[in-house]
Amino acid sequence: MKISVTFMGTIARDLLGDHDPANQVIDLPDGATLKDLFTYLRIPECREYAAIVEKKVGKPEDPLSDGMAVTFFQTVYGG
């Protein structure tokens, strides 16, 4: 299945390097979850990064399906 992936801010450069575009289409096996996408892209599962899946905050166990759009972004801390 094909998943459209967008990286907001500097996440693409910071994690994937300058050579990777901020928008990609990733081919994953049927039954893949958001956690599988994090693993495929080598994005660490931590509080610093989050994903929006079809306009909702994604959870690692969320299933993905063909044609879905996922946006990765860095969370903001401060006070």
PDB file of N, CA and C in Angstrom:
ATOM      1  N   MET A   1       0.846  -1.181   0.000  1.00  0.00           N
ATOM      2  CA  MET A   1       0.000   0.000   0.000  1.00  0.00           C
ATOM      3  C   MET A   1       0.881   1.231   0.000  1.00  0.00           C
ATOM      4  N   LYS A   2       0.370   2.295  -0.555  1.00  0.00           N
ATOM      5  CA  LYS A   2       1.137   3.539  -0.658  1.00  0.00           C
ATOM      6  C   LYS A   2       0.594   4.565   0.332  1.00  0.00           C
ATOM      7  N   ILE A   3       1.520   5.172   1.090  1.00  0.00           N
ATOM      8  CA  ILE A   3       1.201   6.179   2.095  1.00  0.00           C
ATOM      9  C   ILE A   3       1.900   7.478   1.700  1.00  0.00           C
ATOM     10  N   SER A   4       1.151   8.569   1.651  1.00  0.00           N
ATOM     11  CA  SER A   4       1.739   9.889   1.382  1.00  0.00           C
ATOM     12  C   SER A   4       2.267  10.455   2.687  1.00  0.00           C
ATOM     13  N   VAL A   5       3.540  10.811   2.700  1.00  0.00           N
ATOM     14  CA  VAL A   5       4.187  11.292   3.917  1.00  0.00           C
ATOM     15  C   VAL A   5       4.708  12.706   3.689  1.00  0.00           C
ATOM     16  N   THR A   6       4.408  13.586   4.641  1.00  0.00           N
ATOM     17  CA  THR A   6       4.896  14.960   4.620  1.00  0.00           C
ATOM     18  C   THR A   6       5.630  15.220   5.925  1.00  0.00           C
ATOM     19  N   PHE A   7       6.754  15.910   5.839  1.00  0.00           N
ATOM     20  CA  PHE A   7       7.537  16.268   7.019  1.00  0.00           C
ATOM     21  C   PHE A   7       7.484  17.774   7.196  1.00  0.00           C
ATOM     22  N   MET A   8       7.048  18.219   8.366  1.00  0.00           N
ATOM     23  CA  MET A   8       6.954  19.646   8.654  1.00  0.00           C
ATOM     24  C   MET A   8       8.207  20.112   9.395  1.00  0.00           C
ATOM     25  N   GLY A   9       8.527  21.377   9.256  1.00  0.00           N
ATOM     26  CA  GLY A   9       9.679  21.940   9.956  1.00  0.00           C
ATOM     27  C   GLY A   9      10.974  21.325   9.468  1.00  0.00           C
ATOM     28  N   THR A  10      11.885  21.109  10.394  1.00  0.00           N
ATOM     29  CA  THR A  10      13.210  20.596  10.035  1.00  0.00           C
ATOM     30  C   THR A  10      13.336  19.089  10.212  1.00  0.00           C
ATOM     31  N   ILE A  11      12.247  18.401  10.469  1.00  0.00           N
ATOM     32  CA  ILE A  11      12.327  16.972  10.770  1.00  0.00           C
ATOM     33  C   ILE A  11      12.949  16.167   9.626  1.00  0.00           C
ATOM     34  N   ALA A  12      12.620  16.484   8.382  1.00  0.00           N
ATOM     35  CA  ALA A  12      13.199  15.738   7.257  1.00  0.00           C
ATOM     36  C   ALA A  12      14.713  15.898   7.230  1.00  0.00           C
ATOM     37  N   ARG A  13      15.174  17.122   7.360  1.00  0.00           N
ATOM     38  CA  ARG A  13      16.616  17.372   7.335  1.00  0.00           C
ATOM     39  C   ARG A  13      17.301  16.754   8.551  1.00  0.00           C
ATOM     40  N   ASP A  14      16.715  16.933   9.731  1.00  0.00           N
ATOM     41  CA  ASP A  14      17.333  16.457  10.965  1.00  0.00           C
ATOM     42  C   ASP A  14      17.419  14.936  11.035  1.00  0.00           C
ATOM     43  N   LEU A  15      16.395  14.252  10.565  1.00  0.00           N
ATOM     44  CA  LEU A  15      16.355  12.802  10.712  1.00  0.00           C
ATOM     45  C   LEU A  15      16.712  12.036   9.447  1.00  0.00           C
ATOM     46  N   LEU A  16      16.403  12.601   8.307  1.00  0.00           N
ATOM     47  CA  LEU A  16      16.562  11.855   7.067  1.00  0.00           C
ATOM     48  C   LEU A  16      17.693  12.365   6.194  1.00  0.00           C
ATOM     49  N   GLY A  17      18.220  13.540   6.503  1.00  0.00           N
ATOM     50  CA  GLY A  17      19.296  14.104   5.706  1.00  0.00           C
ATOM     51  C   GLY A  17      18.770  15.035   4.628  1.00  0.00           C
ATOM     52  N   ASP A  18      19.638  15.867   4.138  1.00  0.00           N
ATOM     53  CA  ASP A  18      19.255  16.872   3.146  1.00  0.00           C
ATOM     54  C   ASP A  18      18.795  16.279   1.817  1.00  0.00           C
ATOM     55  N   HIS A  19      19.209  15.063   1.518  1.00  0.00           N
ATOM     56  CA  HIS A  19      18.897  14.485   0.216  1.00  0.00           C
ATOM     57  C   HIS A  19      17.467  13.958   0.114  1.00  0.00           C
ATOM     58  N   ASP A  20      16.787  13.786   1.247  1.00  0.00           N
ATOM     59  CA  ASP A  20      15.427  13.261   1.226  1.00  0.00           C
ATOM     60  C   ASP A  20      14.420  14.395   1.159  1.00  0.00           C
ATOM     61  N   PRO A  21      13.445  14.300   0.260  1.00  0.00           N
ATOM     62  CA  PRO A  21      12.450  15.366   0.129  1.00  0.00           C
ATOM     63  C   PRO A  21      11.487  15.405   1.308  1.00  0.00           C
ATOM     64  N   ALA A  22      10.871  16.555   1.499  1.00  0.00           N
ATOM     65  CA  ALA A  22       9.923  16.733   2.597  1.00  0.00           C
ATOM     66  C   ALA A  22       8.591  16.049   2.319  1.00  0.00           C
ATOM     67  N   ASN A  23       8.353  15.651   1.085  1.00  0.00           N
ATOM     68  CA  ASN A  23       7.132  14.929   0.715  1.00  0.00           C
ATOM     69  C   ASN A  23       7.528  13.653  -0.009  1.00  0.00           C
ATOM     70  N   GLN A  24       6.998  12.525   0.459  1.00  0.00           N
ATOM     71  CA  GLN A  24       7.349  11.244  -0.136  1.00  0.00           C
ATOM     72  C   GLN A  24       6.117  10.358  -0.208  1.00  0.00           C
ATOM     73  N   VAL A  25       6.170   9.370  -1.071  1.00  0.00           N
ATOM     74  CA  VAL A  25       5.181   8.300  -1.082  1.00  0.00           C
ATOM     75  C   VAL A  25       5.931   7.035  -0.699  1.00  0.00           C
ATOM     76  N   ILE A  26       5.487   6.409   0.384  1.00  0.00           N
ATOM     77  CA  ILE A  26       6.152   5.235   0.941  1.00  0.00           C
ATOM     78  C   ILE A  26       5.289   4.012   0.658  1.00  0.00           C
ATOM     79  N   ASP A  27       5.914   2.924   0.237  1.00  0.00           N
ATOM     80  CA  ASP A  27       5.204   1.676  -0.015  1.00  0.00           C
ATOM     81  C   ASP A  27       5.408   0.756   1.186  1.00  0.00           C
ATOM     82  N   LEU A  28       4.316   0.416   1.864  1.00  0.00           N
ATOM     83  CA  LEU A  28       4.358  -0.457   3.034  1.00  0.00           C
ATOM     84  C   LEU A  28       3.487  -1.685   2.781  1.00  0.00           C
ATOM     85  N   PRO A  29       3.762  -2.780   3.496  1.00  0.00           N
ATOM     86  CA  PRO A  29       2.916  -3.965   3.332  1.00  0.00           C
ATOM     87  C   PRO A  29       1.523  -3.744   3.923  1.00  0.00           C
ATOM     88  N   ASP A  30       0.553  -4.463   3.397  1.00  0.00           N
ATOM     89  CA  ASP A  30      -0.799  -4.399   3.955  1.00  0.00           C
ATOM     90  C   ASP A  30      -0.761  -4.752   5.435  1.00  0.00           C
ATOM     91  N   GLY A  31      -1.588  -4.082   6.221  1.00  0.00           N
ATOM     92  CA  GLY A  31      -1.644  -4.333   7.656  1.00  0.00           C
ATOM     93  C   GLY A  31      -0.650  -3.517   8.467  1.00  0.00           C
ATOM     94  N   ALA A  32       0.124  -2.655   7.813  1.00  0.00           N
ATOM     95  CA  ALA A  32       1.115  -1.844   8.530  1.00  0.00           C
ATOM     96  C   ALA A  32       0.420  -0.832   9.443  1.00  0.00           C
ATOM     97  N   THR A  33       1.118  -0.481  10.511  1.00  0.00           N
ATOM     98  CA  THR A  33       0.621   0.498  11.474  1.00  0.00           C
ATOM     99  C   THR A  33       1.498   1.751  11.425  1.00  0.00           C
ATOM    100  N   LEU A  34       1.080   2.763  12.169  1.00  0.00           N
ATOM    101  CA  LEU A  34       1.890   3.980  12.256  1.00  0.00           C
ATOM    102  C   LEU A  34       3.266   3.657  12.832  1.00  0.00           C
ATOM    103  N   LYS A  35       3.326   2.754  13.790  1.00  0.00           N
ATOM    104  CA  LYS A  35       4.618   2.353  14.358  1.00  0.00           C
ATOM    105  C   LYS A  35       5.523   1.764  13.272  1.00  0.00           C
ATOM    106  N   ASP A  36       4.957   0.983  12.381  1.00  0.00           N
ATOM    107  CA  ASP A  36       5.741   0.420  11.273  1.00  0.00           C
ATOM    108  C   ASP A  36       6.311   1.522  10.384  1.00  0.00           C
ATOM    109  N   LEU A  37       5.526   2.573  10.165  1.00  0.00           N
ATOM    110  CA  LEU A  37       6.009   3.693   9.355  1.00  0.00           C
ATOM    111  C   LEU A  37       7.143   4.422  10.065  1.00  0.00           C
ATOM    112  N   PHE A  38       7.001   4.661  11.383  1.00  0.00           N
ATOM    113  CA  PHE A  38       8.088   5.263  12.162  1.00  0.00           C
ATOM    114  C   PHE A  38       9.356   4.421  11.998  1.00  0.00           C
ATOM    115  N   THR A  39       9.221   3.101  12.126  1.00  0.00           N
ATOM    116  CA  THR A  39      10.366   2.198  12.019  1.00  0.00           C
ATOM    117  C   THR A  39      10.975   2.253  10.616  1.00  0.00           C
ATOM    118  N   TYR A  40      10.153   2.196   9.599  1.00  0.00           N
ATOM    119  CA  TYR A  40      10.627   2.239   8.214  1.00  0.00           C
ATOM    120  C   TYR A  40      11.437   3.504   7.945  1.00  0.00           C
ATOM    121  N   LEU A  41      10.961   4.626   8.471  1.00  0.00           N
ATOM    122  CA  LEU A  41      11.631   5.912   8.250  1.00  0.00           C
ATOM    123  C   LEU A  41      12.762   6.179   9.247  1.00  0.00           C
ATOM    124  N   ARG A  42      12.953   5.258  10.186  1.00  0.00           N
ATOM    125  CA  ARG A  42      13.980   5.388  11.231  1.00  0.00           C
ATOM    126  C   ARG A  42      13.764   6.635  12.088  1.00  0.00           C
ATOM    127  N   ILE A  43      12.506   6.943  12.346  1.00  0.00           N
ATOM    128  CA  ILE A  43      12.165   8.055  13.233  1.00  0.00           C
ATOM    129  C   ILE A  43      11.978   7.470  14.623  1.00  0.00           C
ATOM    130  N   PRO A  44      12.731   7.947  15.618  1.00  0.00           N
ATOM    131  CA  PRO A  44      12.596   7.387  16.963  1.00  0.00           C
ATOM    132  C   PRO A  44      11.212   7.667  17.540  1.00  0.00           C
ATOM    133  N   GLU A  45      10.674   6.665  18.223  1.00  0.00           N
ATOM    134  CA  GLU A  45       9.399   6.866  18.912  1.00  0.00           C
ATOM    135  C   GLU A  45       9.696   7.571  20.228  1.00  0.00           C
ATOM    136  N   CYS A  46       9.409   8.829  20.272  1.00  0.00           N
ATOM    137  CA  CYS A  46       9.649   9.616  21.473  1.00  0.00           C
ATOM    138  C   CYS A  46       8.702  10.802  21.466  1.00  0.00           C
ATOM    139  N   ARG A  47       8.735  11.552  22.504  1.00  0.00           N
ATOM    140  CA  ARG A  47       7.838  12.698  22.618  1.00  0.00           C
ATOM    141  C   ARG A  47       8.205  13.848  21.691  1.00  0.00           C
ATOM    142  N   GLU A  48       9.383  13.813  21.114  1.00  0.00           N
ATOM    143  CA  GLU A  48       9.828  14.920  20.265  1.00  0.00           C
ATOM    144  C   GLU A  48       9.163  14.927  18.896  1.00  0.00           C
ATOM    145  N   TYR A  49       8.604  13.797  18.484  1.00  0.00           N
ATOM    146  CA  TYR A  49       8.007  13.691  17.158  1.00  0.00           C
ATOM    147  C   TYR A  49       6.600  13.116  17.269  1.00  0.00           C
ATOM    148  N   ALA A  50       5.712  13.628  16.455  1.00  0.00           N
ATOM    149  CA  ALA A  50       4.343  13.136  16.430  1.00  0.00           C
ATOM    150  C   ALA A  50       3.891  13.053  14.978  1.00  0.00           C
ATOM    151  N   ALA A  51       2.749  12.419  14.792  1.00  0.00           N
ATOM    152  CA  ALA A  51       2.224  12.268  13.438  1.00  0.00           C
ATOM    153  C   ALA A  51       0.729  12.542  13.415  1.00  0.00           C
ATOM    154  N   ILE A  52       0.312  13.177  12.358  1.00  0.00           N
ATOM    155  CA  ILE A  52      -1.105  13.377  12.083  1.00  0.00           C
ATOM    156  C   ILE A  52      -1.473  12.375  10.984  1.00  0.00           C
ATOM    157  N   VAL A  53      -2.482  11.572  11.255  1.00  0.00           N
ATOM    158  CA  VAL A  53      -2.951  10.581  10.291  1.00  0.00           C
ATOM    159  C   VAL A  53      -4.382  10.948   9.917  1.00  0.00           C
ATOM    160  N   GLU A  54      -4.569  11.324   8.662  1.00  0.00           N
ATOM    161  CA  GLU A  54      -5.900  11.705   8.194  1.00  0.00           C
ATOM    162  C   GLU A  54      -6.546  12.749   9.109  1.00  0.00           C
ATOM    163  N   LYS A  55      -5.787  13.778   9.442  1.00  0.00           N
ATOM    164  CA  LYS A  55      -6.237  14.949  10.209  1.00  0.00           C
ATOM    165  C   LYS A  55      -6.507  14.672  11.688  1.00  0.00           C
ATOM    166  N   LYS A  56      -5.972  13.555  12.219  1.00  0.00           N
ATOM    167  CA  LYS A  56      -6.085  13.243  13.646  1.00  0.00           C
ATOM    168  C   LYS A  56      -4.705  12.870  14.174  1.00  0.00           C
ATOM    169  N   VAL A  57      -4.452  13.178  15.451  1.00  0.00           N
ATOM    170  CA  VAL A  57      -3.179  12.790  16.056  1.00  0.00           C
ATOM    171  C   VAL A  57      -3.108  11.266  16.075  1.00  0.00           C
ATOM    172  N   GLY A  58      -2.033  10.742  15.509  1.00  0.00           N
ATOM    173  CA  GLY A  58      -1.895   9.296  15.394  1.00  0.00           C
ATOM    174  C   GLY A  58      -1.290   8.653  16.628  1.00  0.00           C
ATOM    175  N   LYS A  59      -1.657   7.382  16.834  1.00  0.00           N
ATOM    176  CA  LYS A  59      -1.082   6.549  17.886  1.00  0.00           C
ATOM    177  C   LYS A  59      -0.318   5.415  17.205  1.00  0.00           C
ATOM    178  N   PRO A  60       0.731   4.908  17.843  1.00  0.00           N
ATOM    179  CA  PRO A  60       1.551   3.879  17.193  1.00  0.00           C
ATOM    180  C   PRO A  60       0.753   2.688  16.662  1.00  0.00           C
ATOM    181  N   GLU A  61      -0.290   2.309  17.357  1.00  0.00           N
ATOM    182  CA  GLU A  61      -1.054   1.122  16.961  1.00  0.00           C
ATOM    183  C   GLU A  61      -2.083   1.393  15.860  1.00  0.00           C
ATOM    184  N   ASP A  62      -2.227   2.643  15.443  1.00  0.00           N
ATOM    185  CA  ASP A  62      -3.207   2.979  14.405  1.00  0.00           C
ATOM    186  C   ASP A  62      -2.868   2.273  13.093  1.00  0.00           C
ATOM    187  N   PRO A  63      -3.844   1.567  12.522  1.00  0.00           N
ATOM    188  CA  PRO A  63      -3.598   0.914  11.236  1.00  0.00           C
ATOM    189  C   PRO A  63      -3.566   1.934  10.106  1.00  0.00           C
ATOM    190  N   LEU A  64      -2.764   1.648   9.115  1.00  0.00           N
ATOM    191  CA  LEU A  64      -2.689   2.489   7.920  1.00  0.00           C
ATOM    192  C   LEU A  64      -3.360   1.747   6.772  1.00  0.00           C
ATOM    193  N   SER A  65      -3.856   2.498   5.813  1.00  0.00           N
ATOM    194  CA  SER A  65      -4.441   1.873   4.630  1.00  0.00           C
ATOM    195  C   SER A  65      -4.001   2.636   3.388  1.00  0.00           C
ATOM    196  N   ASP A  66      -4.135   1.989   2.265  1.00  0.00           N
ATOM    197  CA  ASP A  66      -3.670   2.541   1.003  1.00  0.00           C
ATOM    198  C   ASP A  66      -4.244   3.932   0.761  1.00  0.00           C
ATOM    199  N   GLY A  67      -3.362   4.860   0.390  1.00  0.00           N
ATOM    200  CA  GLY A  67      -3.777   6.215   0.060  1.00  0.00           C
ATOM    201  C   GLY A  67      -3.842   7.180   1.224  1.00  0.00           C
ATOM    202  N   MET A  68      -3.572   6.713   2.437  1.00  0.00           N
ATOM    203  CA  MET A  68      -3.615   7.608   3.603  1.00  0.00           C
ATOM    204  C   MET A  68      -2.518   8.656   3.523  1.00  0.00           C
ATOM    205  N   ALA A  69      -2.776   9.775   4.199  1.00  0.00           N
ATOM    206  CA  ALA A  69      -1.796  10.854   4.306  1.00  0.00           C
ATOM    207  C   ALA A  69      -1.331  10.950   5.755  1.00  0.00           C
ATOM    208  N   VAL A  70      -0.013  10.973   5.949  1.00  0.00           N
ATOM    209  CA  VAL A  70       0.584  11.088   7.282  1.00  0.00           C
ATOM    210  C   VAL A  70       1.530  12.283   7.268  1.00  0.00           C
ATOM    211  N   THR A  71       1.397  13.148   8.270  1.00  0.00           N
ATOM    212  CA  THR A  71       2.271  14.312   8.407  1.00  0.00           C
ATOM    213  C   THR A  71       3.044  14.185   9.708  1.00  0.00           C
ATOM    214  N   PHE A  72       4.368  14.215   9.624  1.00  0.00           N
ATOM    215  CA  PHE A  72       5.222  14.169  10.809  1.00  0.00           C
ATOM    216  C   PHE A  72       5.630  15.585  11.185  1.00  0.00           C
ATOM    217  N   PHE A  73       5.676  15.842  12.486  1.00  0.00           N
ATOM    218  CA  PHE A  73       6.109  17.155  12.957  1.00  0.00           C
ATOM    219  C   PHE A  73       6.802  17.006  14.298  1.00  0.00           C
ATOM    220  N   GLN A  74       7.547  18.035  14.654  1.00  0.00           N
ATOM    221  CA  GLN A  74       8.218  18.075  15.949  1.00  0.00           C
ATOM    222  C   GLN A  74       7.293  18.754  16.945  1.00  0.00           C
ATOM    223  N   THR A  75       7.203  18.169  18.127  1.00  0.00           N
ATOM    224  CA  THR A  75       6.404  18.798  19.165  1.00  0.00           C
ATOM    225  C   THR A  75       7.191  19.953  19.764  1.00  0.00           C
ATOM    226  N   VAL A  76       6.507  20.855  20.411  1.00  0.00           N
ATOM    227  CA  VAL A  76       7.127  22.056  20.964  1.00  0.00           C
ATOM    228  C   VAL A  76       7.060  21.990  22.481  1.00  0.00           C
ATOM    229  N   TYR A  77       8.174  22.303  23.107  1.00  0.00           N
ATOM    230  CA  TYR A  77       8.241  22.354  24.562  1.00  0.00           C
ATOM    231  C   TYR A  77       8.566  23.775  24.981  1.00  0.00           C
ATOM    232  N   GLY A  78       8.284  24.078  26.187  1.00  0.00           N
ATOM    233  CA  GLY A  78       8.651  25.400  26.687  1.00  0.00           C
ATOM    234  C   GLY A  78       7.665  25.879  27.725  1.00  0.00           C
ATOM    235  N   GLY A  79       7.909  27.057  28.161  1.00  0.00           N
ATOM    236  CA  GLY A  79       6.990  27.562  29.166  1.00  0.00           C
ATOM    237  C   GLY A  79       7.202  29.030  29.380  1.00  0.00           C
TER     238      GLY A  79
END
